[in-house]
Amino acid sequence: MKRKTRSLVLHSRDYDAMLNPVVRLIDEVRRTSARTINALMTATYWLIGRDIVEFEQQGKARAEYGEELLKRMATDLAGRFGKGYSLTNLKQFRQFYLAYPPPQKSQTPSDQLATRDFSERFPLPWSAYVRLLSVKNEQAREFYETEALRGGWSVRQLGRQINSLFYERIALSKDKAKMLTKGAAGKA
């Protein structure tokens, strides 16, 4: 009987030694998949915003009925793809594109941004960019985006920092480094 118990303990340790790396691998793949999907969805929203802006800018007559265009598009997209393509969201996609304009024109088609390349350009989740759109000052928006990445802020922490005027307080602070350290921890 002792031999059987000892054998079970040994097998249990071996099993745990095998299982733990597998669990870590699955967890990492899930996190990576979520980040990739977020980046692709954010890229898609930016590209939709680009298409809307380019369509509206084809002439003054078209710009006059931009609201009707968005309403019709929202109805059609929601009918095909479900939630996520409301009039409000389409306006946010348009605003997102305008707030984050494309890089300078590339010289060759291969240099143009592909959807898969957006994970580097838009590393935050879409909800963070929606929150950042409320920041009208471009420098402040860039600051919040950089600090959110550096500090690993959640969207809630980002909102708190924006609402507390963290950027403006940093600009007025005599000890900017100390405030940035506190901000990185999401406590400023």
Protein backbone atom coordinates (compact mmCIF):
# COMPACT_ATOMS: atom_id res chain seq x y z
CA MET A 1 0.00 0.00 0.00
CA LYS A 2 2.87 2.39 0.80
CA ARG A 3 4.37 1.80 -2.58
CA LYS A 4 1.11 2.73 -4.35
CA THR A 5 0.71 5.96 -2.32
CA ARG A 6 4.32 6.96 -3.02
CA SER A 7 3.81 6.26 -6.72
CA LEU A 8 0.69 8.48 -6.81
CA VAL A 9 2.58 11.33 -5.15
CA LEU A 10 5.43 11.01 -7.61
CA HIS A 11 3.06 10.93 -10.58
CA SER A 12 1.20 13.93 -9.21
CA ARG A 13 4.42 15.97 -9.06
CA ASP A 14 5.38 14.87 -12.55
CA TYR A 15 1.92 15.72 -13.78
CA ASP A 16 2.04 19.19 -12.18
CA ALA A 17 5.47 19.76 -13.71
CA MET A 18 3.97 18.99 -17.11
CA LEU A 19 0.64 20.77 -16.57
CA ASN A 20 1.93 24.12 -15.28
CA PRO A 21 3.86 25.10 -18.45
CA VAL A 22 0.86 24.08 -20.56
CA VAL A 23 -1.43 26.28 -18.46
CA ARG A 24 1.02 29.21 -18.76
CA LEU A 25 1.20 28.69 -22.53
CA ILE A 26 -2.60 28.70 -22.92
CA ASP A 27 -2.91 31.81 -20.73
CA GLU A 28 -0.25 33.64 -22.76
CA VAL A 29 -1.84 32.68 -26.08
CA ARG A 30 -5.21 33.90 -24.84
CA ARG A 31 -3.74 37.25 -23.74
CA THR A 32 -1.88 37.61 -27.04
CA SER A 33 -5.01 36.70 -29.00
CA ALA A 34 -7.06 39.28 -27.10
CA ARG A 35 -4.44 41.99 -27.77
CA THR A 36 -4.28 41.03 -31.45
CA ILE A 37 -8.05 41.06 -31.83
CA ASN A 38 -8.22 44.44 -30.06
CA ALA A 39 -5.57 45.85 -32.39
CA LEU A 40 -7.34 44.50 -35.47
CA MET A 41 -10.71 45.86 -34.35
CA THR A 42 -9.17 49.25 -33.57
CA ALA A 43 -7.51 49.25 -37.01
CA THR A 44 -10.85 48.37 -38.58
CA TYR A 45 -12.56 51.27 -36.80
CA TRP A 46 -9.81 53.66 -37.93
CA LEU A 47 -10.13 52.43 -41.53
CA ILE A 48 -13.93 52.81 -41.42
CA GLY A 49 -13.38 56.36 -40.13
CA ARG A 50 -10.97 56.99 -43.01
CA ASP A 51 -13.50 55.72 -45.55
CA ILE A 52 -16.24 57.93 -44.09
CA VAL A 53 -14.03 61.03 -44.09
CA GLU A 54 -12.79 60.41 -47.63
CA PHE A 55 -16.34 59.83 -48.88
CA GLU A 56 -17.59 63.02 -47.18
CA GLN A 57 -14.74 65.12 -48.57
CA GLN A 58 -15.44 64.32 -52.21
CA GLY A 59 -17.36 67.55 -52.58
CA LYS A 60 -19.48 70.06 -50.76
CA ALA A 61 -22.82 68.49 -51.76
CA ARG A 62 -21.81 65.17 -50.21
CA ALA A 63 -20.63 66.80 -47.00
CA GLU A 64 -24.08 68.34 -46.54
CA TYR A 65 -25.73 64.96 -46.19
CA GLY A 66 -23.00 63.32 -44.10
CA GLU A 67 -25.42 62.76 -41.20
CA GLU A 68 -27.85 60.92 -43.48
CA LEU A 69 -24.99 58.87 -44.88
CA LEU A 70 -23.97 57.82 -41.37
CA LYS A 71 -27.55 56.95 -40.39
CA ARG A 72 -27.97 54.78 -43.47
CA MET A 73 -24.57 53.16 -42.99
CA ALA A 74 -25.33 52.44 -39.31
CA THR A 75 -28.59 50.75 -40.25
CA ASP A 76 -26.95 48.66 -42.99
CA LEU A 77 -23.92 47.63 -40.91
CA ALA A 78 -25.97 46.83 -37.80
CA GLY A 79 -28.28 44.73 -39.97
CA ARG A 80 -25.33 42.74 -41.30
CA PHE A 81 -22.97 42.61 -38.32
CA GLY A 82 -25.11 43.31 -35.27
CA LYS A 83 -24.23 45.61 -32.42
CA GLY A 84 -21.21 47.86 -32.58
CA TYR A 85 -22.06 49.89 -35.66
CA SER A 86 -24.51 52.44 -34.30
CA LEU A 87 -24.64 56.03 -35.48
CA THR A 88 -22.73 57.04 -32.33
CA ASN A 89 -20.01 54.47 -33.03
CA LEU A 90 -19.66 55.54 -36.67
CA LYS A 91 -19.22 59.13 -35.50
CA GLN A 92 -16.53 57.91 -33.09
CA PHE A 93 -14.76 56.04 -35.92
CA ARG A 94 -14.77 59.26 -37.95
CA GLN A 95 -13.52 61.27 -34.98
CA PHE A 96 -10.83 58.63 -34.29
CA TYR A 97 -9.50 58.91 -37.83
CA LEU A 98 -9.45 62.72 -37.62
CA ALA A 99 -7.69 62.66 -34.22
CA TYR A 100 -5.13 60.11 -35.43
CA PRO A 101 -4.44 61.09 -39.04
CA PRO A 102 -2.45 58.76 -41.28
CA PRO A 103 1.30 59.05 -41.43
CA GLN A 104 2.81 61.01 -44.29
CA LYS A 105 1.96 59.59 -47.71
CA SER A 106 4.15 56.62 -48.54
CA GLN A 107 5.88 56.37 -51.86
CA THR A 108 4.98 52.80 -52.74
CA PRO A 109 1.83 50.75 -52.15
CA SER A 110 3.86 48.26 -50.11
CA ASP A 111 4.74 51.06 -47.69
CA GLN A 112 1.07 51.78 -46.95
CA LEU A 113 -0.39 50.65 -43.67
CA ALA A 114 -1.94 47.22 -43.69
CA THR A 115 -4.54 46.27 -41.10
CA ARG A 116 -2.10 43.87 -39.43
CA ASP A 117 0.43 46.71 -38.89
CA PHE A 118 -1.93 48.67 -36.65
CA SER A 119 -1.03 46.80 -33.46
CA GLU A 120 2.06 48.99 -33.27
CA ARG A 121 0.23 52.17 -34.21
CA PHE A 122 -2.75 51.58 -31.89
CA PRO A 123 -1.49 49.44 -28.99
CA LEU A 124 -4.30 50.38 -26.58
CA PRO A 125 -7.75 48.80 -26.63
CA TRP A 126 -10.53 50.61 -28.51
CA SER A 127 -12.23 51.71 -25.28
CA ALA A 128 -9.05 53.60 -24.32
CA TYR A 129 -9.08 55.47 -27.63
CA VAL A 130 -12.74 56.31 -27.15
CA ARG A 131 -11.77 57.82 -23.78
CA LEU A 132 -8.79 59.63 -25.33
CA LEU A 133 -11.06 61.23 -27.95
CA SER A 134 -12.53 63.37 -25.18
CA VAL A 135 -9.12 65.08 -24.85
CA LYS A 136 -9.14 67.91 -27.38
CA ASN A 137 -5.55 69.06 -26.85
CA GLU A 138 -3.40 66.87 -29.13
CA GLN A 139 -0.32 67.10 -26.88
CA ALA A 140 -2.36 66.13 -23.83
CA ARG A 141 -3.92 63.23 -25.73
CA GLU A 142 -0.45 61.99 -26.77
CA PHE A 143 0.74 62.34 -23.17
CA TYR A 144 -2.17 60.30 -21.80
CA GLU A 145 -1.68 57.62 -24.45
CA THR A 146 2.04 57.36 -23.68
CA GLU A 147 1.49 57.27 -19.93
CA ALA A 148 -1.31 54.70 -20.23
CA LEU A 149 1.10 52.43 -22.10
CA ARG A 150 4.03 53.13 -19.80
CA GLY A 151 1.99 52.71 -16.63
CA GLY A 152 -0.21 49.87 -17.86
CA TRP A 153 -3.31 51.89 -16.98
CA SER A 154 -6.72 50.35 -17.33
CA VAL A 155 -9.37 52.39 -19.14
CA ARG A 156 -10.79 53.31 -15.73
CA GLN A 157 -7.37 54.56 -14.55
CA LEU A 158 -6.94 56.48 -17.80
CA GLY A 159 -10.33 58.13 -17.28
CA ARG A 160 -9.40 59.05 -13.72
CA GLN A 161 -6.15 60.66 -14.88
CA ILE A 162 -7.94 62.60 -17.61
CA ASN A 163 -10.68 63.73 -15.22
CA SER A 164 -8.11 64.83 -12.64
CA LEU A 165 -6.32 66.90 -15.30
CA PHE A 166 -3.09 64.96 -14.74
CA TYR A 167 -1.46 66.45 -17.85
CA GLU A 168 -2.17 69.99 -16.69
CA ARG A 169 -0.99 69.21 -13.14
CA ILE A 170 2.25 67.74 -14.51
CA ALA A 171 2.82 70.90 -16.56
CA LEU A 172 2.41 73.05 -13.43
CA SER A 173 4.39 70.77 -11.10
CA LYS A 174 7.86 71.61 -9.88
CA ASP A 175 8.61 67.91 -9.35
CA LYS A 176 7.45 66.39 -12.62
CA ALA A 177 9.44 63.17 -12.14
CA LYS A 178 7.75 62.45 -8.80
CA MET A 179 4.30 63.07 -10.28
CA LEU A 180 5.06 60.82 -13.26
CA THR A 181 6.19 58.07 -10.89
CA LYS A 182 2.92 58.39 -8.97
CA GLY A 183 1.01 58.53 -12.24
CA ALA A 184 2.68 55.37 -13.52
CA ALA A 185 1.19 53.61 -10.52
CA GLY A 186 -2.19 55.16 -11.32
CA LYS A 187 -2.24 57.02 -8.00
CA ALA A 188 -1.78 60.63 -9.09
